[in-house]
Amino acid sequence: MTAVRTLAGLERAEFAALLHELTPEQWSVSSLCEGWTVRDVVAHTIAYLGQSRARLIMNMVRTRFDIDRLNAKGLRDSAGLAPEQLIRLMHQGGRPSGAAALYGGRVALIECLIHQQDIRRPLGLLRTIPEERLRVSLNFARFSPVIGGARRTHGARLVATDMDWSAGRGPEVRGTGEALLLAMTGRAESVAGELAGEGTTLLR
């Protein structure tokens, strides 16, 4: 099995490669994150993962552990960065460190993986997520208190239709591993048409 830190580095490198392909117009397209453009998502990803652990704790205290306020601060701090600068910063963070290295690099992996999909889907730049990266992210989303995957899918059994992965108890929710991950990370509405089973009514 490939080390999680290596998987995180590969995911971030793929994210950076994607950014090179974007046109100026695509940077302004709305993402899956409500109220955020493609540029906002990229800036958020870099700002969040670029913090030291001490800085992350300090920022969380300053924003009273309000994730929305923390994210808004990150966007304000990076407001003056042009796409070219954001691309360069995305390249520079290939090896998880600081906040990105939390949980053995799982934070870096899932942040880059989810936020890639946040911009790929609206832009129609779909991809097949490597299964090993997807599996690690699915498992991490289930127990991470920040992501809240278990809370959002409480009372349902998640069953991937394109890989050997399942979790939870209760009425089934069936879909691709990607769709299940997006549902666990608060994007259930975006993948509603890709999920099936009686448990879909339980998704939050």
Protein backbone atom coordinates (compact mmCIF):
# COMPACT_ATOMS: atom_id res chain seq x y z
CA MET A 1 0.00 0.00 0.00
CA THR A 2 1.32 3.45 -0.93
CA ALA A 3 2.04 5.80 1.98
CA VAL A 4 -0.70 8.39 2.55
CA ARG A 5 1.82 11.23 2.34
CA THR A 6 2.81 10.02 -1.12
CA LEU A 7 -0.84 9.81 -2.18
CA ALA A 8 -1.38 13.36 -0.92
CA GLY A 9 1.59 14.59 -2.93
CA LEU A 10 0.30 12.93 -6.08
CA GLU A 11 -3.14 14.44 -5.59
CA ARG A 12 -1.75 17.92 -5.07
CA ALA A 13 0.49 17.60 -8.14
CA GLU A 14 -2.55 16.60 -10.21
CA PHE A 15 -4.45 19.57 -8.81
CA ALA A 16 -1.61 21.90 -9.84
CA ALA A 17 -1.53 20.36 -13.33
CA LEU A 18 -5.26 20.99 -13.67
CA LEU A 19 -4.84 24.67 -12.81
CA HIS A 20 -2.37 25.11 -15.67
CA GLU A 21 -5.15 24.12 -18.10
CA LEU A 22 -7.71 26.67 -16.92
CA THR A 23 -8.64 29.70 -18.99
CA PRO A 24 -9.08 33.14 -17.37
CA GLU A 25 -12.85 32.69 -17.71
CA GLN A 26 -12.82 29.32 -15.94
CA TRP A 27 -11.22 30.81 -12.82
CA SER A 28 -14.42 32.84 -12.32
CA VAL A 29 -16.88 29.95 -12.75
CA SER A 30 -19.00 29.03 -9.70
CA SER A 31 -17.80 25.91 -7.89
CA LEU A 32 -19.73 23.29 -5.92
CA CYS A 33 -18.99 25.37 -2.80
CA GLU A 34 -21.87 27.82 -2.49
CA GLY A 35 -20.75 31.39 -3.10
CA TRP A 36 -17.23 30.42 -4.12
CA THR A 37 -15.66 30.63 -7.55
CA VAL A 38 -13.00 28.27 -8.85
CA ARG A 39 -10.39 30.82 -7.77
CA ASP A 40 -11.85 30.97 -4.26
CA VAL A 41 -11.66 27.19 -3.90
CA VAL A 42 -8.03 27.11 -5.04
CA ALA A 43 -7.08 30.00 -2.73
CA HIS A 44 -8.86 28.34 0.20
CA THR A 45 -7.10 25.02 -0.37
CA ILE A 46 -3.68 26.64 -0.44
CA ALA A 47 -4.37 28.91 2.54
CA TYR A 48 -5.71 26.10 4.69
CA LEU A 49 -2.98 23.59 3.90
CA GLY A 50 -0.24 26.21 4.04
CA GLN A 51 -0.71 26.93 7.74
CA SER A 52 1.57 25.60 10.42
CA ARG A 53 -0.21 23.62 13.13
CA ALA A 54 0.36 26.46 15.60
CA ARG A 55 -1.06 29.00 13.14
CA LEU A 56 -4.09 26.82 12.49
CA ILE A 57 -4.82 26.58 16.21
CA MET A 58 -4.33 30.33 16.63
CA ASN A 59 -6.68 31.11 13.73
CA MET A 60 -9.30 28.72 15.07
CA VAL A 61 -9.16 30.41 18.48
CA ARG A 62 -9.42 33.85 16.88
CA THR A 63 -12.48 32.79 14.88
CA ARG A 64 -13.96 31.02 17.93
CA PHE A 65 -13.73 27.65 16.17
CA ASP A 66 -16.21 28.85 13.53
CA ILE A 67 -15.15 27.08 10.31
CA ASP A 68 -17.02 29.54 8.10
CA ARG A 69 -15.24 32.51 9.70
CA LEU A 70 -11.92 30.67 9.44
CA ASN A 71 -12.48 30.03 5.73
CA ALA A 72 -13.53 33.64 5.14
CA LYS A 73 -10.33 34.86 6.79
CA GLY A 74 -8.27 32.63 4.53
CA LEU A 75 -9.94 34.08 1.44
CA ARG A 76 -9.38 37.65 2.63
CA ASP A 77 -5.72 36.94 3.26
CA SER A 78 -5.25 35.61 -0.28
CA ALA A 79 -7.47 38.12 -2.09
CA GLY A 80 -4.57 39.81 -3.89
CA LEU A 81 -3.04 36.66 -5.36
CA ALA A 82 -3.29 36.21 -9.13
CA PRO A 83 -3.95 32.77 -10.70
CA GLU A 84 -0.28 32.48 -11.65
CA GLN A 85 0.74 32.96 -8.03
CA LEU A 86 -1.83 30.44 -6.83
CA ILE A 87 -0.54 27.87 -9.31
CA ARG A 88 3.01 28.39 -8.07
CA LEU A 89 1.91 28.01 -4.44
CA MET A 90 0.00 24.84 -5.27
CA HIS A 91 3.18 23.37 -6.77
CA GLN A 92 5.25 24.36 -3.73
CA GLY A 93 3.16 22.35 -1.27
CA GLY A 94 3.85 18.93 -2.72
CA ARG A 95 5.08 17.41 0.54
CA PRO A 96 2.48 17.66 3.33
CA SER A 97 3.64 19.76 6.27
CA GLY A 98 2.03 21.79 9.02
CA ALA A 99 -1.76 21.51 8.95
CA ALA A 100 -1.56 19.46 5.76
CA ALA A 101 0.42 16.74 7.54
CA LEU A 102 -2.25 16.13 10.18
CA TYR A 103 -3.51 12.53 10.44
CA GLY A 104 -0.52 11.26 8.52
CA GLY A 105 -1.20 13.47 5.49
CA ARG A 106 -4.89 12.54 5.24
CA VAL A 107 -5.89 16.18 5.66
CA ALA A 108 -3.82 17.18 2.62
CA LEU A 109 -5.14 14.27 0.58
CA ILE A 110 -8.84 14.79 1.20
CA GLU A 111 -8.64 18.59 0.93
CA CYS A 112 -7.01 18.40 -2.50
CA LEU A 113 -9.21 15.52 -3.66
CA ILE A 114 -12.54 17.06 -2.65
CA HIS A 115 -11.69 20.56 -3.80
CA GLN A 116 -10.48 19.26 -7.15
CA GLN A 117 -13.94 17.78 -7.65
CA ASP A 118 -15.50 21.06 -6.49
CA ILE A 119 -14.05 22.74 -9.55
CA ARG A 120 -13.81 19.84 -12.01
CA ARG A 121 -17.52 19.03 -11.95
CA PRO A 122 -18.82 22.54 -12.78
CA LEU A 123 -16.16 22.88 -15.47
CA GLY A 124 -16.97 19.49 -16.99
CA LEU A 125 -13.37 18.34 -16.48
CA LEU A 126 -14.25 14.97 -15.01
CA ARG A 127 -11.72 12.30 -14.09
CA THR A 128 -11.49 8.85 -12.56
CA ILE A 129 -10.11 9.23 -9.05
CA PRO A 130 -7.41 6.62 -8.31
CA GLU A 131 -9.03 4.01 -6.07
CA GLU A 132 -6.32 4.00 -3.41
CA ARG A 133 -6.68 7.75 -2.84
CA LEU A 134 -10.45 7.46 -2.82
CA ARG A 135 -10.46 4.62 -0.30
CA VAL A 136 -8.24 6.50 2.16
CA SER A 137 -10.43 9.60 1.81
CA LEU A 138 -13.66 7.66 2.32
CA ASN A 139 -12.34 6.09 5.50
CA PHE A 140 -10.99 9.40 6.81
CA ALA A 141 -14.26 11.24 6.08
CA ARG A 142 -16.06 8.71 8.26
CA PHE A 143 -14.14 9.46 11.45
CA SER A 144 -12.92 13.06 11.01
CA PRO A 145 -14.87 15.33 13.40
CA VAL A 146 -14.19 18.34 11.18
CA ILE A 147 -15.50 16.71 7.99
CA GLY A 148 -18.44 15.12 9.79
CA GLY A 149 -19.03 12.28 7.34
CA ALA A 150 -20.47 9.97 9.98
CA ARG A 151 -22.83 12.69 11.20
CA ARG A 152 -24.10 13.49 7.72
CA THR A 153 -24.79 9.83 6.93
CA HIS A 154 -25.90 8.62 10.36
CA GLY A 155 -28.41 5.78 10.19
CA ALA A 156 -27.54 4.77 6.64
CA ARG A 157 -25.29 2.10 5.15
CA LEU A 158 -23.05 3.40 2.37
CA VAL A 159 -22.23 0.97 -0.42
CA ALA A 160 -19.86 1.84 -3.26
CA THR A 161 -20.87 0.43 -6.63
CA ASP A 162 -17.50 0.78 -8.34
CA MET A 163 -15.16 -0.51 -5.64
CA ASP A 164 -15.15 -2.84 -2.64
CA TRP A 165 -16.08 -0.36 0.10
CA SER A 166 -19.01 0.00 2.48
CA ALA A 167 -19.65 1.52 5.90
CA GLY A 168 -22.42 2.16 8.39
CA ARG A 169 -25.65 0.42 9.30
CA GLY A 170 -29.22 0.96 8.17
CA PRO A 171 -31.01 1.53 4.84
CA GLU A 172 -28.58 1.50 1.94
CA VAL A 173 -27.22 4.42 -0.02
CA ARG A 174 -25.58 3.14 -3.21
CA GLY A 175 -23.36 5.10 -5.53
CA THR A 176 -19.81 5.47 -6.81
CA GLY A 177 -17.10 6.02 -4.26
CA GLU A 178 -16.76 9.60 -5.48
CA ALA A 179 -20.47 10.32 -5.07
CA LEU A 180 -20.51 8.82 -1.56
CA LEU A 181 -17.48 10.89 -0.57
CA LEU A 182 -19.06 14.09 -1.86
CA ALA A 183 -22.24 13.28 0.07
CA MET A 184 -20.22 12.72 3.25
CA THR A 185 -18.50 16.08 2.82
CA GLY A 186 -21.68 18.11 2.55
CA ARG A 187 -22.33 17.95 -1.19
CA ALA A 188 -25.27 15.51 -1.22
CA GLU A 189 -27.42 17.81 -3.34
CA SER A 190 -24.76 17.94 -6.05
CA VAL A 191 -24.70 14.13 -6.38
CA ALA A 192 -28.36 13.37 -5.59
CA GLY A 193 -28.90 11.96 -9.08
CA GLU A 194 -25.94 9.60 -8.65
CA LEU A 195 -27.16 7.96 -5.45
CA ALA A 196 -29.86 5.31 -4.97
CA GLY A 197 -31.44 3.40 -2.11
CA GLU A 198 -33.82 3.99 0.77
CA GLY A 199 -31.06 5.56 2.85
CA THR A 200 -30.74 8.61 0.61
CA THR A 201 -33.51 10.36 2.60
CA LEU A 202 -31.27 10.22 5.67
CA LEU A 203 -28.39 12.16 4.14
CA ARG A 204 -27.71 15.55 5.71
